[in-house]
Amino acid sequence: MSLDAKAVADERSAMSELHDAVAGRLAESTSRYTAGRRRLVETLARSERPMTLPDIVASDPGIAPSSAYRNLDVLEQSGVIRRINSSGDHAHFELAEPLVVHHHHLICLGCGKILDVQLDDALERAVDAGLAKAAAKADFVPSHHTLDLYGWCSDCQALGRHLG
């Protein structure tokens, strides 16, 4: 089997596993895994960053904005996707953990762009330990954490948006 054929087979296998996991989550919330929801999941899975509704529709013109919005809501309520609000005009959406690897975000205050970022293992452990200590001190039982860093992307810096 060639490397290209193996990569395609691996991608199909990963997508099949993703669809099985999503179907399970939707079944738990008594929702169906419709063709429209499947297309949304595939679109988000192929993206390297969180996407807005206009981004989603532009990447797959077969997705109608009105049904996409309703389906995004169902997927969010079922824990399949996560909504990220930024300073932009539109919320961003991405697959939720544990459907994707644990990561954090850099969010631009100028244009609303969101970039995924992974911390190295040592730093992630330090963040977890610090949060666990703060939670214990407050008699709080944590389930997970998110870390979003707000600032200005290089494009907005070049336009001087970070100065105002």
Protein backbone atom coordinates (compact mmCIF):
# COMPACT_ATOMS: atom_id res chain seq x y z
CA MET A 1 0.00 0.00 0.00
CA SER A 2 1.42 3.40 -0.97
CA LEU A 3 1.87 6.18 1.56
CA ASP A 4 -0.94 8.19 -0.06
CA ALA A 5 -3.32 5.22 0.06
CA LYS A 6 -2.39 4.57 3.70
CA ALA A 7 -3.02 8.24 4.58
CA VAL A 8 -6.44 8.10 2.91
CA ALA A 9 -7.29 4.87 4.74
CA ASP A 10 -6.14 6.35 8.07
CA GLU A 11 -8.23 9.48 7.46
CA ARG A 12 -11.31 7.39 6.63
CA SER A 13 -10.81 5.31 9.76
CA ALA A 14 -10.42 8.42 11.94
CA MET A 15 -13.54 9.99 10.38
CA SER A 16 -15.49 6.76 10.94
CA GLU A 17 -14.45 6.74 14.62
CA LEU A 18 -15.44 10.40 14.92
CA HIS A 19 -18.86 9.72 13.40
CA ASP A 20 -19.39 6.80 15.80
CA ALA A 21 -18.52 9.00 18.79
CA VAL A 22 -20.79 11.83 17.59
CA ALA A 23 -23.66 9.41 16.95
CA GLY A 24 -23.25 8.11 20.51
CA ARG A 25 -23.34 11.59 22.02
CA LEU A 26 -26.40 12.55 20.00
CA ALA A 27 -28.17 9.32 20.96
CA GLU A 28 -27.54 10.10 24.65
CA SER A 29 -29.42 13.38 24.20
CA THR A 30 -32.14 11.67 22.09
CA SER A 31 -31.11 13.55 18.95
CA ARG A 32 -30.62 11.99 15.53
CA TYR A 33 -27.40 12.12 13.55
CA THR A 34 -28.85 13.55 10.36
CA ALA A 35 -27.06 14.08 7.06
CA GLY A 36 -26.89 17.84 7.75
CA ARG A 37 -25.28 17.31 11.15
CA ARG A 38 -22.87 14.83 9.62
CA ARG A 39 -21.78 17.42 7.03
CA LEU A 40 -21.22 20.01 9.77
CA VAL A 41 -19.10 17.57 11.79
CA GLU A 42 -17.02 16.69 8.73
CA THR A 43 -16.53 20.37 7.87
CA LEU A 44 -15.38 21.20 11.40
CA ALA A 45 -13.15 18.10 11.52
CA ARG A 46 -11.36 19.14 8.31
CA SER A 47 -10.73 22.67 9.57
CA GLU A 48 -7.48 23.55 11.30
CA ARG A 49 -9.16 26.29 13.35
CA PRO A 50 -12.55 27.18 14.84
CA MET A 51 -15.00 28.34 12.17
CA THR A 52 -17.81 30.89 12.00
CA LEU A 53 -21.13 30.05 10.37
CA PRO A 54 -20.12 32.04 7.24
CA ASP A 55 -16.80 30.08 7.17
CA ILE A 56 -18.71 26.79 7.39
CA VAL A 57 -21.15 27.70 4.60
CA ALA A 58 -18.31 28.99 2.40
CA SER A 59 -16.35 25.76 2.82
CA ASP A 60 -19.38 23.60 1.93
CA PRO A 61 -21.96 25.45 -0.19
CA GLY A 62 -24.31 22.48 0.22
CA ILE A 63 -24.90 23.54 3.81
CA ALA A 64 -27.85 25.92 4.14
CA PRO A 65 -27.21 28.68 6.71
CA SER A 66 -30.65 28.37 8.34
CA SER A 67 -30.42 24.62 8.94
CA ALA A 68 -26.73 24.89 9.86
CA TYR A 69 -27.53 27.31 12.67
CA ARG A 70 -30.22 25.00 14.09
CA ASN A 71 -27.95 21.97 13.74
CA LEU A 72 -25.02 23.77 15.37
CA ASP A 73 -27.29 24.47 18.34
CA VAL A 74 -28.26 20.77 18.64
CA LEU A 75 -24.62 19.69 18.30
CA GLU A 76 -23.58 22.19 20.97
CA GLN A 77 -26.31 21.08 23.38
CA SER A 78 -25.21 17.46 22.85
CA GLY A 79 -21.58 18.23 23.67
CA VAL A 80 -20.37 17.53 20.14
CA ILE A 81 -19.19 21.06 19.38
CA ARG A 82 -18.05 24.03 21.41
CA ARG A 83 -19.05 27.64 20.74
CA ILE A 84 -16.31 30.23 21.23
CA ASN A 85 -17.27 33.87 21.42
CA SER A 86 -14.74 36.44 20.30
CA SER A 87 -14.73 40.13 19.57
CA GLY A 88 -15.80 39.42 15.99
CA ASP A 89 -19.31 39.59 14.58
CA HIS A 90 -19.82 35.81 14.67
CA ALA A 91 -19.32 33.03 17.19
CA HIS A 92 -16.81 30.36 16.23
CA PHE A 93 -17.45 26.63 16.43
CA GLU A 94 -15.14 23.63 16.79
CA LEU A 95 -15.43 20.00 17.75
CA ALA A 96 -15.56 19.59 21.52
CA GLU A 97 -13.16 17.63 23.66
CA PRO A 98 -12.64 14.68 23.87
CA LEU A 99 -13.50 14.43 20.16
CA VAL A 100 -10.35 16.47 19.51
CA VAL A 101 -7.06 16.78 21.35
CA HIS A 102 -6.99 19.14 24.36
CA HIS A 103 -5.96 22.63 23.29
CA HIS A 104 -6.38 26.33 24.03
CA HIS A 105 -6.99 29.46 21.96
CA LEU A 106 -5.39 32.73 20.96
CA ILE A 107 -8.25 35.18 20.28
CA CYS A 108 -7.65 38.42 18.40
CA LEU A 109 -9.44 41.43 19.88
CA GLY A 110 -9.12 43.28 16.58
CA CYS A 111 -10.57 40.93 13.97
CA GLY A 112 -11.93 38.07 16.09
CA LYS A 113 -9.66 35.43 14.52
CA ILE A 114 -9.12 32.39 16.73
CA LEU A 115 -6.06 30.14 16.58
CA ASP A 116 -5.64 26.81 18.33
CA VAL A 117 -2.56 26.36 20.49
CA GLN A 118 -1.29 23.37 22.46
CA LEU A 119 0.82 23.77 25.56
CA ASP A 120 3.74 21.44 26.11
CA ASP A 121 3.06 18.62 28.56
CA ALA A 122 5.01 20.16 31.45
CA LEU A 123 3.20 23.48 31.18
CA GLU A 124 -0.19 21.75 30.84
CA ARG A 125 0.54 19.74 34.01
CA ALA A 126 1.55 22.93 35.83
CA VAL A 127 -1.70 24.66 34.76
CA ASP A 128 -3.72 21.61 35.87
CA ALA A 129 -1.93 21.50 39.24
CA GLY A 130 -2.42 25.22 39.84
CA LEU A 131 -6.11 25.04 38.96
CA ALA A 132 -6.59 21.92 41.11
CA LYS A 133 -4.98 23.71 44.07
CA ALA A 134 -7.22 26.78 43.62
CA ALA A 135 -10.28 24.53 43.27
CA ALA A 136 -9.45 22.57 46.41
CA LYS A 137 -8.94 25.78 48.37
CA ALA A 138 -12.43 26.92 47.29
CA ASP A 139 -13.95 23.46 47.96
CA PHE A 140 -14.73 23.21 44.25
CA VAL A 141 -14.74 20.04 42.15
CA PRO A 142 -13.44 20.83 38.64
CA SER A 143 -14.32 18.81 35.55
CA HIS A 144 -12.11 20.48 32.91
CA HIS A 145 -10.51 23.76 31.97
CA THR A 146 -10.20 26.06 28.99
CA LEU A 147 -7.62 28.73 28.50
CA ASP A 148 -8.16 31.54 26.04
CA LEU A 149 -5.51 34.21 25.57
CA TYR A 150 -6.80 37.51 24.17
CA GLY A 151 -4.61 39.93 22.25
CA TRP A 152 -3.88 41.04 18.69
CA CYS A 153 -2.88 38.91 15.71
CA SER A 154 -0.01 39.96 13.47
CA ASP A 155 -2.41 41.39 10.85
CA CYS A 156 -4.12 43.64 13.40
CA GLN A 157 -0.76 44.67 14.85
CA ALA A 158 0.37 45.70 11.38
CA LEU A 159 -2.79 47.82 11.05
CA GLY A 160 -2.10 49.43 14.44
CA ARG A 161 -5.30 48.06 16.03
CA HIS A 162 -3.43 47.07 19.18
CA LEU A 163 -2.53 50.72 19.86
CA GLY A 164 -6.07 52.02 20.27
